[in-house]
Amino acid sequence: MKNLLYLLLFIPIMSFSQIDMMEVKHTLSSIKSSEKLRFYTEDKAIKLQPPLKFSTFEKSDIVLFPSNDINDTRMDKMMIVGSYQELKLNKKNIGAIYLKKGRTHIVFIEERLKENDLSLPKKFDKYIINECMLNPICLLKL
């Protein structure tokens, strides 16, 4: 009976969990570069409008939530992936946007942003971590 009660409380909470698209749009549009960044995504469910500029894959600078075939075969683009685990797998992944415990998490790697001549304003420092933080052994050295 107790498990049923937990299940009945858990399902409505999870059904209302979704990525905060306004925060995502605000963060992505704040990425500074020497040129206007162009984004690409195959996910038609993502409804991000201007000031973000979307284009074809070939003309894009950043790929949002790449599918596995893009992630594996076309490594020349910067990517923002959909999980923290994917962020750790590929150096071209500059950031991740994902849900965890019903909340939107946005993470960018400082060294990868600098390497690609990108930056975020100071108010987005809460989303930026060092590359070292991706490796638990590195945290022991701090």
Protein backbone atom coordinates (compact mmCIF):
# COMPACT_ATOMS: atom_id res chain seq x y z
CA MET A 1 0.00 0.00 0.00
CA LYS A 2 2.85 2.35 0.86
CA ASN A 3 4.52 1.68 -2.51
CA LEU A 4 1.28 2.44 -4.32
CA LEU A 5 1.04 5.78 -2.53
CA TYR A 6 4.60 6.68 -3.57
CA LEU A 7 3.85 5.69 -7.15
CA LEU A 8 0.70 7.83 -7.23
CA LEU A 9 2.66 10.82 -5.97
CA PHE A 10 5.66 10.23 -8.23
CA ILE A 11 3.83 9.97 -11.59
CA PRO A 12 2.27 13.47 -11.53
CA ILE A 13 5.57 15.03 -10.51
CA MET A 14 7.42 13.38 -13.40
CA SER A 15 4.74 14.27 -15.94
CA PHE A 16 5.33 17.98 -15.26
CA SER A 17 9.10 17.68 -15.59
CA GLN A 18 10.42 19.28 -18.71
CA ILE A 19 13.40 21.34 -19.79
CA ASP A 20 13.04 25.06 -19.10
CA MET A 21 13.26 26.20 -22.72
CA MET A 22 13.27 29.90 -21.81
CA GLU A 23 16.40 29.43 -19.70
CA VAL A 24 18.00 27.32 -22.43
CA LYS A 25 17.20 29.93 -25.09
CA HIS A 26 18.51 32.74 -22.88
CA THR A 27 21.74 30.86 -22.17
CA LEU A 28 22.39 29.78 -25.76
CA SER A 29 21.72 33.26 -27.11
CA SER A 30 24.23 34.67 -24.58
CA ILE A 31 27.17 32.62 -25.90
CA LYS A 32 29.61 35.19 -27.23
CA SER A 33 31.71 34.62 -30.30
CA SER A 34 33.50 36.76 -32.86
CA GLU A 35 30.72 35.87 -35.31
CA LYS A 36 27.00 35.24 -34.98
CA LEU A 37 26.64 31.57 -34.06
CA ARG A 38 24.45 29.28 -36.12
CA PHE A 39 22.78 26.28 -34.52
CA TYR A 40 21.48 23.02 -35.92
CA THR A 41 19.22 20.37 -34.44
CA GLU A 42 17.42 17.37 -35.86
CA ASP A 43 14.97 17.35 -32.98
CA LYS A 44 11.77 18.95 -34.28
CA ALA A 45 10.34 19.09 -30.75
CA ILE A 46 12.83 21.81 -29.84
CA LYS A 47 11.11 25.12 -30.40
CA LEU A 48 13.79 27.76 -30.01
CA GLN A 49 13.22 30.95 -31.93
CA PRO A 50 15.26 34.11 -32.45
CA PRO A 51 17.62 35.50 -31.35
CA LEU A 52 19.05 32.03 -32.03
CA LYS A 53 19.92 31.53 -35.66
CA PHE A 54 19.30 28.03 -37.05
CA SER A 55 20.76 26.73 -40.28
CA THR A 56 21.66 23.53 -42.07
CA PHE A 57 24.11 21.08 -40.56
CA GLU A 58 26.87 22.05 -42.99
CA LYS A 59 26.60 25.78 -42.21
CA SER A 60 26.07 25.42 -38.46
CA ASP A 61 28.66 26.16 -35.79
CA ILE A 62 27.00 24.27 -32.92
CA VAL A 63 24.88 21.11 -33.10
CA LEU A 64 22.22 20.79 -30.40
CA PHE A 65 21.46 17.31 -29.10
CA PRO A 66 23.13 15.38 -31.93
CA SER A 67 21.87 11.97 -32.89
CA ASN A 68 24.27 9.04 -32.60
CA ASP A 69 25.19 9.05 -36.29
CA ILE A 70 26.19 12.73 -36.15
CA ASN A 71 28.00 12.22 -32.87
CA ASP A 72 30.02 9.30 -34.25
CA THR A 73 30.78 10.32 -37.82
CA ARG A 74 30.99 14.11 -38.01
CA MET A 75 33.24 15.22 -35.18
CA ASP A 76 34.20 18.58 -36.71
CA LYS A 77 31.29 20.52 -35.12
CA MET A 78 30.95 21.81 -31.58
CA MET A 79 28.08 20.04 -29.84
CA ILE A 80 25.75 20.58 -26.92
CA VAL A 81 24.54 17.18 -25.80
CA GLY A 82 21.61 15.89 -23.78
CA SER A 83 23.39 14.24 -20.85
CA TYR A 84 26.30 14.72 -18.51
CA GLN A 85 27.71 11.32 -19.51
CA GLU A 86 27.81 12.31 -23.20
CA LEU A 87 29.60 15.53 -22.25
CA LYS A 88 32.48 13.51 -20.83
CA LEU A 89 32.83 11.28 -23.92
CA ASN A 90 33.86 13.75 -26.62
CA LYS A 91 36.07 16.87 -26.49
CA LYS A 92 33.88 18.52 -29.15
CA ASN A 93 31.00 18.54 -26.66
CA ILE A 94 31.23 22.04 -25.21
CA GLY A 95 28.17 21.70 -23.01
CA ALA A 96 25.18 19.68 -21.92
CA ILE A 97 21.52 20.48 -21.26
CA TYR A 98 19.56 17.76 -19.52
CA LEU A 99 16.92 16.95 -16.91
CA LYS A 100 17.88 15.52 -13.54
CA LYS A 101 15.36 14.97 -10.78
CA GLY A 102 12.84 17.06 -12.70
CA ARG A 103 15.09 20.12 -13.01
CA THR A 104 16.90 21.61 -15.97
CA HIS A 105 20.68 21.38 -15.75
CA ILE A 106 22.92 23.42 -18.01
CA VAL A 107 26.68 22.76 -17.99
CA PHE A 108 29.48 24.22 -20.10
CA ILE A 109 33.19 23.33 -19.92
CA GLU A 110 35.33 26.44 -19.49
CA GLU A 111 38.41 25.11 -21.32
CA ARG A 112 36.34 23.89 -24.27
CA LEU A 113 34.61 27.26 -24.60
CA LYS A 114 37.97 29.06 -24.59
CA GLU A 115 39.45 26.58 -27.06
CA ASN A 116 36.64 27.41 -29.49
CA ASP A 117 36.90 31.17 -28.80
CA LEU A 118 33.51 31.26 -27.04
CA SER A 119 32.47 32.82 -23.75
CA LEU A 120 29.46 33.39 -21.55
CA PRO A 121 28.72 36.55 -19.53
CA LYS A 122 29.54 36.53 -15.80
CA LYS A 123 25.90 35.97 -14.80
CA PHE A 124 26.13 32.49 -16.36
CA ASP A 125 29.15 31.44 -14.27
CA LYS A 126 26.89 29.03 -12.38
CA TYR A 127 26.71 26.93 -15.57
CA ILE A 128 30.47 26.78 -16.18
CA ILE A 129 32.72 24.06 -14.78
CA ASN A 130 36.38 23.18 -15.33
CA GLU A 131 37.38 20.18 -17.40
CA CYS A 132 38.92 18.73 -14.25
CA MET A 133 35.47 18.35 -12.69
CA LEU A 134 34.57 15.69 -15.27
CA ASN A 135 37.18 13.36 -13.80
CA PRO A 136 36.64 12.27 -10.17
CA ILE A 137 40.35 11.53 -9.69
CA CYS A 138 41.17 15.13 -10.52
CA LEU A 139 38.89 16.30 -7.70
CA LEU A 140 41.02 14.35 -5.22
CA LYS A 141 44.04 16.43 -6.23
CA LEU A 142 42.32 19.71 -5.38
